[in-house]
Amino acid sequence: ASGGGQQIPVFTALGADCTVLDYSTEQLKREEEVGKREGYTPKCVRA
C-alpha cells in the first residue's frame, strides 16, 4: 500500500529490487509516472 512514487524511487536508487502493491489505480499510475521520469520501470501490482 505504498504507491504514489514517494518511497520506491529512493529504494530503487539505493540498488534494491522493488515491487509496489496498491489498490488505488491512481497511486500506481503516479508510481509509474515517477519511474518513467527517473529512468526505471517499477513493478506495480494492483491488489
All heavy atoms as atom14 arrays in JSON, in Angstrom:
{
  "sequence": "ASGGGQQIPVFTALGADCTVLDYSTEQLKREEEVGKREGYTPKCVRA",
  "atom14_mask": [
    [1, 1, 1, 1, 1, 0, 0, 0, 0, 0, 0, 0, 0, 0],
    [1, 1, 1, 1, 1, 1, 0, 0, 0, 0, 0, 0, 0, 0],
    [1, 1, 1, 1, 0, 0, 0, 0, 0, 0, 0, 0, 0, 0],
    [1, 1, 1, 1, 0, 0, 0, 0, 0, 0, 0, 0, 0, 0],
    [1, 1, 1, 1, 0, 0, 0, 0, 0, 0, 0, 0, 0, 0],
    [1, 1, 1, 1, 1, 1, 1, 1, 1, 0, 0, 0, 0, 0],
    [1, 1, 1, 1, 1, 1, 1, 1, 1, 0, 0, 0, 0, 0],
    [1, 1, 1, 1, 1, 1, 1, 1, 0, 0, 0, 0, 0, 0],
    [1, 1, 1, 1, 1, 1, 1, 0, 0, 0, 0, 0, 0, 0],
    [1, 1, 1, 1, 1, 1, 1, 0, 0, 0, 0, 0, 0, 0],
    [1, 1, 1, 1, 1, 1, 1, 1, 1, 1, 1, 0, 0, 0],
    [1, 1, 1, 1, 1, 1, 1, 0, 0, 0, 0, 0, 0, 0],
    [1, 1, 1, 1, 1, 0, 0, 0, 0, 0, 0, 0, 0, 0],
    [1, 1, 1, 1, 1, 1, 1, 1, 0, 0, 0, 0, 0, 0],
    [1, 1, 1, 1, 0, 0, 0, 0, 0, 0, 0, 0, 0, 0],
    [1, 1, 1, 1, 1, 0, 0, 0, 0, 0, 0, 0, 0, 0],
    [1, 1, 1, 1, 1, 1, 1, 1, 0, 0, 0, 0, 0, 0],
    [1, 1, 1, 1, 1, 1, 0, 0, 0, 0, 0, 0, 0, 0],
    [1, 1, 1, 1, 1, 1, 1, 0, 0, 0, 0, 0, 0, 0],
    [1, 1, 1, 1, 1, 1, 1, 0, 0, 0, 0, 0, 0, 0],
    [1, 1, 1, 1, 1, 1, 1, 1, 0, 0, 0, 0, 0, 0],
    [1, 1, 1, 1, 1, 1, 1, 1, 0, 0, 0, 0, 0, 0],
    [1, 1, 1, 1, 1, 1, 1, 1, 1, 1, 1, 1, 0, 0],
    [1, 1, 1, 1, 1, 1, 0, 0, 0, 0, 0, 0, 0, 0],
    [1, 1, 1, 1, 1, 1, 1, 0, 0, 0, 0, 0, 0, 0],
    [1, 1, 1, 1, 1, 1, 1, 1, 1, 0, 0, 0, 0, 0],
    [1, 1, 1, 1, 1, 1, 1, 1, 1, 0, 0, 0, 0, 0],
    [1, 1, 1, 1, 1, 1, 1, 1, 0, 0, 0, 0, 0, 0],
    [1, 1, 1, 1, 1, 1, 1, 1, 1, 0, 0, 0, 0, 0],
    [1, 1, 1, 1, 1, 1, 1, 1, 1, 1, 1, 0, 0, 0],
    [1, 1, 1, 1, 1, 1, 1, 1, 1, 0, 0, 0, 0, 0],
    [1, 1, 1, 1, 1, 1, 1, 1, 1, 0, 0, 0, 0, 0],
    [1, 1, 1, 1, 1, 1, 1, 1, 1, 0, 0, 0, 0, 0],
    [1, 1, 1, 1, 1, 1, 1, 0, 0, 0, 0, 0, 0, 0],
    [1, 1, 1, 1, 0, 0, 0, 0, 0, 0, 0, 0, 0, 0],
    [1, 1, 1, 1, 1, 1, 1, 1, 1, 0, 0, 0, 0, 0],
    [1, 1, 1, 1, 1, 1, 1, 1, 1, 1, 1, 0, 0, 0],
    [1, 1, 1, 1, 1, 1, 1, 1, 1, 0, 0, 0, 0, 0],
    [1, 1, 1, 1, 0, 0, 0, 0, 0, 0, 0, 0, 0, 0],
    [1, 1, 1, 1, 1, 1, 1, 1, 1, 1, 1, 1, 0, 0],
    [1, 1, 1, 1, 1, 1, 1, 0, 0, 0, 0, 0, 0, 0],
    [1, 1, 1, 1, 1, 1, 1, 0, 0, 0, 0, 0, 0, 0],
    [1, 1, 1, 1, 1, 1, 1, 1, 1, 0, 0, 0, 0, 0],
    [1, 1, 1, 1, 1, 1, 0, 0, 0, 0, 0, 0, 0, 0],
    [1, 1, 1, 1, 1, 1, 1, 0, 0, 0, 0, 0, 0, 0],
    [1, 1, 1, 1, 1, 1, 1, 1, 1, 1, 1, 0, 0, 0],
    [1, 1, 1, 1, 1, 0, 0, 0, 0, 0, 0, 0, 0, 0]
  ],
  "atom14_positions": [
    [[0.86, -1.2, 0.0], [0.0, 0.0, 0.0], [0.89, 1.24, 0.0], [0.69, 2.17, 0.76], [-0.94, 0.0, 1.2], [0.0, 0.0, 0.0], [0.0, 0.0, 0.0], [0.0, 0.0, 0.0], [0.0, 0.0, 0.0], [0.0, 0.0, 0.0], [0.0, 0.0, 0.0], [0.0, 0.0, 0.0], [0.0, 0.0, 0.0], [0.0, 0.0, 0.0]],
    [[1.88, 1.21, -0.87], [2.95, 2.22, -0.85], [3.11, 2.88, -2.21], [4.18, 3.34, -2.56], [4.26, 1.56, -0.42], [5.28, 2.5, -0.27], [0.0, 0.0, 0.0], [0.0, 0.0, 0.0], [0.0, 0.0, 0.0], [0.0, 0.0, 0.0], [0.0, 0.0, 0.0], [0.0, 0.0, 0.0], [0.0, 0.0, 0.0], [0.0, 0.0, 0.0]],
    [[2.02, 2.93, -3.01], [2.1, 3.57, -4.31], [2.16, 5.08, -4.18], [1.95, 5.65, -3.12], [0.0, 0.0, 0.0], [0.0, 0.0, 0.0], [0.0, 0.0, 0.0], [0.0, 0.0, 0.0], [0.0, 0.0, 0.0], [0.0, 0.0, 0.0], [0.0, 0.0, 0.0], [0.0, 0.0, 0.0], [0.0, 0.0, 0.0], [0.0, 0.0, 0.0]],
    [[2.44, 5.75, -5.29], [2.45, 7.21, -5.29], [3.81, 7.8, -5.61], [3.97, 9.01, -5.72], [0.0, 0.0, 0.0], [0.0, 0.0, 0.0], [0.0, 0.0, 0.0], [0.0, 0.0, 0.0], [0.0, 0.0, 0.0], [0.0, 0.0, 0.0], [0.0, 0.0, 0.0], [0.0, 0.0, 0.0], [0.0, 0.0, 0.0], [0.0, 0.0, 0.0]],
    [[4.83, 6.95, -5.73], [6.14, 7.45, -6.14], [6.91, 8.18, -5.07], [7.71, 9.07, -5.38], [0.0, 0.0, 0.0], [0.0, 0.0, 0.0], [0.0, 0.0, 0.0], [0.0, 0.0, 0.0], [0.0, 0.0, 0.0], [0.0, 0.0, 0.0], [0.0, 0.0, 0.0], [0.0, 0.0, 0.0], [0.0, 0.0, 0.0], [0.0, 0.0, 0.0]],
    [[6.73, 7.81, -3.8], [7.43, 8.51, -2.73], [8.6, 7.71, -2.15], [9.65, 8.29, -1.87], [6.45, 8.86, -1.61], [5.36, 9.83, -2.05], [4.39, 10.15, -0.93], [4.79, 10.7, 0.08], [3.14, 9.82, -1.11], [0.0, 0.0, 0.0], [0.0, 0.0, 0.0], [0.0, 0.0, 0.0], [0.0, 0.0, 0.0], [0.0, 0.0, 0.0]],
    [[8.42, 6.39, -1.95], [9.49, 5.6, -1.34], [10.23, 4.72, -2.35], [11.47, 4.63, -2.3], [8.91, 4.68, -0.24], [8.25, 5.42, 0.9], [6.74, 5.56, 0.7], [6.13, 4.81, -0.05], [6.15, 6.51, 1.39], [0.0, 0.0, 0.0], [0.0, 0.0, 0.0], [0.0, 0.0, 0.0], [0.0, 0.0, 0.0], [0.0, 0.0, 0.0]],
    [[9.51, 4.11, -3.25], [10.13, 3.14, -4.16], [11.23, 3.76, -5.01], [12.27, 3.12, -5.24], [9.04, 2.48, -5.05], [8.04, 1.72, -4.18], [9.68, 1.54, -6.07], [8.64, 0.66, -3.28], [0.0, 0.0, 0.0], [0.0, 0.0, 0.0], [0.0, 0.0, 0.0], [0.0, 0.0, 0.0], [0.0, 0.0, 0.0], [0.0, 0.0, 0.0]],
    [[11.1, 5.02, -5.49], [12.21, 5.61, -6.25], [13.5, 5.69, -5.43], [14.59, 5.49, -5.96], [11.69, 7.01, -6.6], [10.21, 6.88, -6.59], [9.92, 5.9, -5.5], [0.0, 0.0, 0.0], [0.0, 0.0, 0.0], [0.0, 0.0, 0.0], [0.0, 0.0, 0.0], [0.0, 0.0, 0.0], [0.0, 0.0, 0.0], [0.0, 0.0, 0.0]],
    [[13.38, 5.96, -4.13], [14.55, 6.04, -3.25], [15.17, 4.66, -3.1], [16.39, 4.49, -3.23], [14.16, 6.61, -1.87], [15.36, 6.58, -0.93], [13.63, 8.02, -2.01], [0.0, 0.0, 0.0], [0.0, 0.0, 0.0], [0.0, 0.0, 0.0], [0.0, 0.0, 0.0], [0.0, 0.0, 0.0], [0.0, 0.0, 0.0], [0.0, 0.0, 0.0]],
    [[14.33, 3.66, -2.83], [14.84, 2.3, -2.65], [15.51, 1.79, -3.93], [16.53, 1.11, -3.87], [13.7, 1.36, -2.24], [13.02, 1.72, -0.94], [11.71, 1.33, -0.69], [13.7, 2.44, 0.03], [11.08, 1.66, 0.49], [13.07, 2.77, 1.23], [11.76, 2.38, 1.46], [0.0, 0.0, 0.0], [0.0, 0.0, 0.0], [0.0, 0.0, 0.0]],
    [[14.92, 2.12, -5.07], [15.49, 1.7, -6.35], [16.85, 2.35, -6.57], [17.8, 1.7, -7.02], [14.53, 2.07, -7.5], [13.27, 1.43, -7.29], [15.1, 1.63, -8.84], [0.0, 0.0, 0.0], [0.0, 0.0, 0.0], [0.0, 0.0, 0.0], [0.0, 0.0, 0.0], [0.0, 0.0, 0.0], [0.0, 0.0, 0.0], [0.0, 0.0, 0.0]],
    [[16.96, 3.64, -6.24], [18.24, 4.35, -6.38], [19.3, 3.75, -5.49], [20.5, 3.82, -5.8], [18.05, 5.83, -6.07], [0.0, 0.0, 0.0], [0.0, 0.0, 0.0], [0.0, 0.0, 0.0], [0.0, 0.0, 0.0], [0.0, 0.0, 0.0], [0.0, 0.0, 0.0], [0.0, 0.0, 0.0], [0.0, 0.0, 0.0], [0.0, 0.0, 0.0]],
    [[18.89, 3.13, -4.37], [19.82, 2.5, -3.45], [20.2, 1.09, -3.87], [20.97, 0.41, -3.19], [19.23, 2.47, -2.04], [19.08, 3.83, -1.35], [18.22, 3.7, -0.09], [20.43, 4.41, -1.01], [0.0, 0.0, 0.0], [0.0, 0.0, 0.0], [0.0, 0.0, 0.0], [0.0, 0.0, 0.0], [0.0, 0.0, 0.0], [0.0, 0.0, 0.0]],
    [[19.64, 0.64, -5.0], [20.02, -0.66, -5.54], [19.1, -1.81, -5.19], [19.43, -2.98, -5.47], [0.0, 0.0, 0.0], [0.0, 0.0, 0.0], [0.0, 0.0, 0.0], [0.0, 0.0, 0.0], [0.0, 0.0, 0.0], [0.0, 0.0, 0.0], [0.0, 0.0, 0.0], [0.0, 0.0, 0.0], [0.0, 0.0, 0.0], [0.0, 0.0, 0.0]],
    [[17.95, -1.52, -4.59], [17.01, -2.58, -4.22], [16.16, -3.0, -5.42], [15.96, -2.23, -6.36], [16.12, -2.11, -3.08], [0.0, 0.0, 0.0], [0.0, 0.0, 0.0], [0.0, 0.0, 0.0], [0.0, 0.0, 0.0], [0.0, 0.0, 0.0], [0.0, 0.0, 0.0], [0.0, 0.0, 0.0], [0.0, 0.0, 0.0], [0.0, 0.0, 0.0]],
    [[15.68, -4.21, -5.36], [14.75, -4.75, -6.36], [13.34, -4.6, -5.79], [12.96, -5.33, -4.87], [15.09, -6.22, -6.62], [14.15, -6.87, -7.63], [13.3, -6.17, -8.21], [14.27, -8.1, -7.83], [0.0, 0.0, 0.0], [0.0, 0.0, 0.0], [0.0, 0.0, 0.0], [0.0, 0.0, 0.0], [0.0, 0.0, 0.0], [0.0, 0.0, 0.0]],
    [[12.58, -3.65, -6.32], [11.34, -3.23, -5.66], [10.08, -3.64, -6.41], [10.01, -3.6, -7.64], [11.33, -1.71, -5.49], [12.7, -1.08, -4.52], [0.0, 0.0, 0.0], [0.0, 0.0, 0.0], [0.0, 0.0, 0.0], [0.0, 0.0, 0.0], [0.0, 0.0, 0.0], [0.0, 0.0, 0.0], [0.0, 0.0, 0.0], [0.0, 0.0, 0.0]],
    [[9.07, -3.99, -5.62], [7.71, -4.22, -6.1], [6.78, -3.39, -5.25], [6.95, -3.31, -4.03], [7.32, -5.72, -5.96], [8.24, -6.51, -6.7], [5.9, -5.96, -6.46], [0.0, 0.0, 0.0], [0.0, 0.0, 0.0], [0.0, 0.0, 0.0], [0.0, 0.0, 0.0], [0.0, 0.0, 0.0], [0.0, 0.0, 0.0], [0.0, 0.0, 0.0]],
    [[5.8, -2.74, -5.87], [4.84, -1.95, -5.11], [3.44, -2.52, -5.33], [3.03, -2.78, -6.47], [4.89, -0.45, -5.48], [4.62, -0.22, -6.96], [3.93, 0.36, -4.64], [0.0, 0.0, 0.0], [0.0, 0.0, 0.0], [0.0, 0.0, 0.0], [0.0, 0.0, 0.0], [0.0, 0.0, 0.0], [0.0, 0.0, 0.0], [0.0, 0.0, 0.0]],
    [[2.73, -2.74, -4.23], [1.35, -3.23, -4.28], [0.43, -2.15, -3.73], [0.67, -1.61, -2.65], [1.2, -4.52, -3.48], [-0.2, -5.15, -3.43], [-0.1, -6.68, -3.37], [-1.03, -4.64, -2.25], [0.0, 0.0, 0.0], [0.0, 0.0, 0.0], [0.0, 0.0, 0.0], [0.0, 0.0, 0.0], [0.0, 0.0, 0.0], [0.0, 0.0, 0.0]],
    [[-0.6, -1.82, -4.48], [-1.57, -0.83, -4.03], [-2.91, -1.15, -4.67], [-2.97, -1.71, -5.77], [-1.11, 0.58, -4.42], [-1.62, 1.65, -3.45], [-2.85, 1.83, -3.36], [-0.79, 2.29, -2.79], [0.0, 0.0, 0.0], [0.0, 0.0, 0.0], [0.0, 0.0, 0.0], [0.0, 0.0, 0.0], [0.0, 0.0, 0.0], [0.0, 0.0, 0.0]],
    [[-3.99, -0.77, -3.97], [-5.33, -1.0, -4.52], [-5.76, 0.17, -5.41], [-6.61, 0.02, -6.27], [-6.33, -1.17, -3.38], [-7.7, -1.63, -3.86], [-7.9, -2.91, -4.35], [-8.79, -0.75, -3.81], [-9.14, -3.34, -4.79], [-10.05, -1.17, -4.25], [-10.22, -2.46, -4.74], [-11.45, -2.86, -5.18], [0.0, 0.0, 0.0], [0.0, 0.0, 0.0]],
    [[-5.13, 1.32, -5.22], [-5.5, 2.53, -5.95], [-4.82, 2.58, -7.32], [-3.59, 2.62, -7.41], [-5.13, 3.78, -5.14], [-5.2, 4.94, -5.93], [0.0, 0.0, 0.0], [0.0, 0.0, 0.0], [0.0, 0.0, 0.0], [0.0, 0.0, 0.0], [0.0, 0.0, 0.0], [0.0, 0.0, 0.0], [0.0, 0.0, 0.0], [0.0, 0.0, 0.0]],
    [[-5.6, 2.59, -8.38], [-5.03, 2.71, -9.72], [-4.35, 4.06, -9.9], [-3.35, 4.18, -10.61], [-6.11, 2.54, -10.8], [-7.19, 3.46, -10.54], [-6.67, 1.13, -10.79], [0.0, 0.0, 0.0], [0.0, 0.0, 0.0], [0.0, 0.0, 0.0], [0.0, 0.0, 0.0], [0.0, 0.0, 0.0], [0.0, 0.0, 0.0], [0.0, 0.0, 0.0]],
    [[-4.89, 5.08, -9.23], [-4.3, 6.43, -9.32], [-2.91, 6.45, -8.7], [-1.98, 7.05, -9.26], [-5.21, 7.43, -8.61], [-4.87, 8.89, -8.89], [-5.04, 9.28, -10.34], [-5.95, 8.74, -11.01], [-4.23, 10.1, -10.81], [0.0, 0.0, 0.0], [0.0, 0.0, 0.0], [0.0, 0.0, 0.0], [0.0, 0.0, 0.0], [0.0, 0.0, 0.0]],
    [[-2.76, 5.81, -7.55], [-1.44, 5.76, -6.89], [-0.43, 4.98, -7.73], [0.73, 5.36, -7.84], [-1.58, 5.13, -5.5], [-2.27, 6.01, -4.47], [-1.43, 7.2, -4.07], [-1.41, 8.23, -4.75], [-0.73, 7.08, -2.95], [0.0, 0.0, 0.0], [0.0, 0.0, 0.0], [0.0, 0.0, 0.0], [0.0, 0.0, 0.0], [0.0, 0.0, 0.0]],
    [[-0.89, 3.87, -8.32], [0.01, 3.08, -9.16], [0.39, 3.83, -10.43], [1.54, 3.74, -10.9], [-0.65, 1.74, -9.51], [-0.83, 0.78, -8.33], [-1.6, -0.45, -8.78], [0.52, 0.37, -7.74], [0.0, 0.0, 0.0], [0.0, 0.0, 0.0], [0.0, 0.0, 0.0], [0.0, 0.0, 0.0], [0.0, 0.0, 0.0], [0.0, 0.0, 0.0]],
    [[-0.55, 4.58, -10.98], [-0.26, 5.39, -12.16], [0.8, 6.42, -11.84], [1.74, 6.65, -12.61], [-1.54, 6.08, -12.65], [-1.33, 6.95, -13.88], [-2.64, 7.63, -14.29], [-2.42, 8.55, -15.49], [-3.67, 9.27, -15.86], [0.0, 0.0, 0.0], [0.0, 0.0, 0.0], [0.0, 0.0, 0.0], [0.0, 0.0, 0.0], [0.0, 0.0, 0.0]],
    [[0.68, 7.05, -10.66], [1.67, 8.04, -10.24], [3.03, 7.38, -10.04], [4.07, 7.95, -10.36], [1.2, 8.72, -8.95], [1.99, 9.96, -8.59], [1.35, 10.71, -7.43], [0.06, 11.26, -7.79], [-1.07, 11.04, -7.15], [-1.07, 10.27, -6.09], [-2.19, 11.59, -7.54], [0.0, 0.0, 0.0], [0.0, 0.0, 0.0], [0.0, 0.0, 0.0]],
    [[3.02, 6.15, -9.49], [4.26, 5.4, -9.3], [4.95, 5.17, -10.64], [6.17, 5.35, -10.78], [3.96, 4.06, -8.64], [5.17, 3.28, -8.2], [5.78, 3.84, -6.91], [5.04, 4.13, -5.95], [7.02, 3.97, -6.88], [0.0, 0.0, 0.0], [0.0, 0.0, 0.0], [0.0, 0.0, 0.0], [0.0, 0.0, 0.0], [0.0, 0.0, 0.0]],
    [[4.18, 4.8, -11.65], [4.73, 4.55, -12.99], [5.25, 5.84, -13.62], [6.29, 5.84, -14.3], [3.67, 3.91, -13.87], [3.33, 2.47, -13.45], [2.14, 1.91, -14.19], [1.39, 2.71, -14.8], [1.94, 0.68, -14.15], [0.0, 0.0, 0.0], [0.0, 0.0, 0.0], [0.0, 0.0, 0.0], [0.0, 0.0, 0.0], [0.0, 0.0, 0.0]],
    [[4.55, 6.95, -13.39], [4.99, 8.23, -13.94], [6.32, 8.65, -13.34], [7.21, 9.13, -14.06], [3.92, 9.31, -13.67], [2.65, 9.13, -14.49], [1.54, 10.08, -14.05], [1.71, 10.73, -13.0], [0.5, 10.16, -14.75], [0.0, 0.0, 0.0], [0.0, 0.0, 0.0], [0.0, 0.0, 0.0], [0.0, 0.0, 0.0], [0.0, 0.0, 0.0]],
    [[6.47, 8.47, -12.03], [7.73, 8.82, -11.37], [8.85, 7.92, -11.87], [9.96, 8.38, -12.14], [7.59, 8.72, -9.83], [8.95, 8.92, -9.16], [6.6, 9.75, -9.32], [0.0, 0.0, 0.0], [0.0, 0.0, 0.0], [0.0, 0.0, 0.0], [0.0, 0.0, 0.0], [0.0, 0.0, 0.0], [0.0, 0.0, 0.0], [0.0, 0.0, 0.0]],
    [[8.56, 6.62, -12.02], [9.56, 5.69, -12.53], [10.04, 6.07, -13.93], [11.24, 6.05, -14.23], [0.0, 0.0, 0.0], [0.0, 0.0, 0.0], [0.0, 0.0, 0.0], [0.0, 0.0, 0.0], [0.0, 0.0, 0.0], [0.0, 0.0, 0.0], [0.0, 0.0, 0.0], [0.0, 0.0, 0.0], [0.0, 0.0, 0.0], [0.0, 0.0, 0.0]],
    [[9.1, 6.45, -14.78], [9.45, 6.86, -16.14], [10.33, 8.09, -16.12], [11.32, 8.18, -16.86], [8.17, 7.13, -16.94], [8.42, 7.5, -18.4], [7.1, 7.71, -19.13], [7.35, 8.08, -20.6], [6.06, 8.31, -21.31], [0.0, 0.0, 0.0], [0.0, 0.0, 0.0], [0.0, 0.0, 0.0], [0.0, 0.0, 0.0], [0.0, 0.0, 0.0]],
    [[9.99, 9.03, -15.25], [10.77, 10.25, -15.13], [12.18, 9.97, -14.61], [13.16, 10.59, -15.04], [10.06, 11.21, -14.17], [10.68, 12.58, -14.03], [10.04, 13.33, -12.89], [10.41, 12.75, -11.61], [9.65, 12.77, -10.52], [8.46, 13.32, -10.56], [10.08, 12.24, -9.39], [0.0, 0.0, 0.0], [0.0, 0.0, 0.0], [0.0, 0.0, 0.0]],
    [[12.29, 9.0, -13.67], [13.58, 8.7, -13.05], [14.39, 7.67, -13.83], [15.51, 7.34, -13.45], [13.36, 8.21, -11.62], [12.7, 9.22, -10.7], [13.55, 10.45, -10.47], [14.78, 10.3, -10.37], [12.99, 11.56, -10.39], [0.0, 0.0, 0.0], [0.0, 0.0, 0.0], [0.0, 0.0, 0.0], [0.0, 0.0, 0.0], [0.0, 0.0, 0.0]],
    [[13.81, 7.13, -14.9], [14.56, 6.23, -15.76], [14.53, 4.77, -15.39], [15.46, 4.03, -15.7], [0.0, 0.0, 0.0], [0.0, 0.0, 0.0], [0.0, 0.0, 0.0], [0.0, 0.0, 0.0], [0.0, 0.0, 0.0], [0.0, 0.0, 0.0], [0.0, 0.0, 0.0], [0.0, 0.0, 0.0], [0.0, 0.0, 0.0], [0.0, 0.0, 0.0]],
    [[13.48, 4.32, -14.73], [13.33, 2.89, -14.43], [11.86, 2.5, -14.54], [10.97, 3.37, -14.56], [13.88, 2.55, -13.04], [13.02, 3.05, -11.9], [12.04, 2.26, -11.32], [13.19, 4.35, -11.4], [11.24, 2.73, -10.29], [12.4, 4.82, -10.36], [11.43, 4.01, -9.82], [10.63, 4.47, -8.8], [0.0, 0.0, 0.0], [0.0, 0.0, 0.0]],
    [[11.6, 1.21, -14.64], [10.22, 0.72, -14.75], [9.83, 0.01, -13.47], [10.34, -1.08, -13.17], [10.08, -0.25, -15.93], [10.48, 0.41, -17.13], [8.62, -0.71, -16.08], [0.0, 0.0, 0.0], [0.0, 0.0, 0.0], [0.0, 0.0, 0.0], [0.0, 0.0, 0.0], [0.0, 0.0, 0.0], [0.0, 0.0, 0.0], [0.0, 0.0, 0.0]],
    [[8.97, 0.61, -12.65], [8.57, -0.03, -11.39], [7.69, -1.24, -11.63], [6.9, -1.28, -12.59], [7.81, 1.08, -10.66], [7.26, 1.94, -11.74], [8.29, 1.9, -12.85], [0.0, 0.0, 0.0], [0.0, 0.0, 0.0], [0.0, 0.0, 0.0], [0.0, 0.0, 0.0], [0.0, 0.0, 0.0], [0.0, 0.0, 0.0], [0.0, 0.0, 0.0]],
    [[7.84, -2.24, -10.75], [6.96, -3.4, -10.81], [5.72, -3.1, -9.96], [5.81, -3.09, -8.74], [7.68, -4.65, -10.31], [8.76, -5.14, -11.25], [9.43, -6.4, -10.74], [10.49, -6.08, -9.73], [11.32, -7.24, -9.36], [0.0, 0.0, 0.0], [0.0, 0.0, 0.0], [0.0, 0.0, 0.0], [0.0, 0.0, 0.0], [0.0, 0.0, 0.0]],
    [[4.61, -2.8, -10.63], [3.38, -2.4, -9.94], [2.35, -3.51, -9.98], [2.1, -4.12, -11.03], [2.79, -1.14, -10.58], [3.84, 0.33, -10.4], [0.0, 0.0, 0.0], [0.0, 0.0, 0.0], [0.0, 0.0, 0.0], [0.0, 0.0, 0.0], [0.0, 0.0, 0.0], [0.0, 0.0, 0.0], [0.0, 0.0, 0.0], [0.0, 0.0, 0.0]],
    [[1.75, -3.77, -8.83], [0.72, -4.81, -8.71], [-0.51, -4.19, -8.07], [-0.43, -3.65, -6.97], [1.22, -6.0, -7.85], [0.11, -7.04, -7.7], [2.47, -6.61, -8.46], [0.0, 0.0, 0.0], [0.0, 0.0, 0.0], [0.0, 0.0, 0.0], [0.0, 0.0, 0.0], [0.0, 0.0, 0.0], [0.0, 0.0, 0.0], [0.0, 0.0, 0.0]],
    [[-1.64, -4.27, -8.77], [-2.88, -3.79, -8.17], [-3.56, -4.97, -7.46], [-3.92, -5.97, -8.08], [-3.83, -3.2, -9.21], [-5.09, -2.61, -8.57], [-6.01, -1.96, -9.6], [-7.15, -1.33, -8.93], [-8.28, -1.95, -8.64], [-8.44, -3.23, -8.98], [-9.27, -1.32, -8.01], [0.0, 0.0, 0.0], [0.0, 0.0, 0.0], [0.0, 0.0, 0.0]],
    [[-3.7, -4.86, -6.15], [-4.29, -5.94, -5.36], [-4.8, -5.38, -4.04], [-4.44, -4.29, -3.62], [-3.28, -7.06, -5.12], [0.0, 0.0, 0.0], [0.0, 0.0, 0.0], [0.0, 0.0, 0.0], [0.0, 0.0, 0.0], [0.0, 0.0, 0.0], [0.0, 0.0, 0.0], [0.0, 0.0, 0.0], [0.0, 0.0, 0.0], [0.0, 0.0, 0.0]]
  ]
}
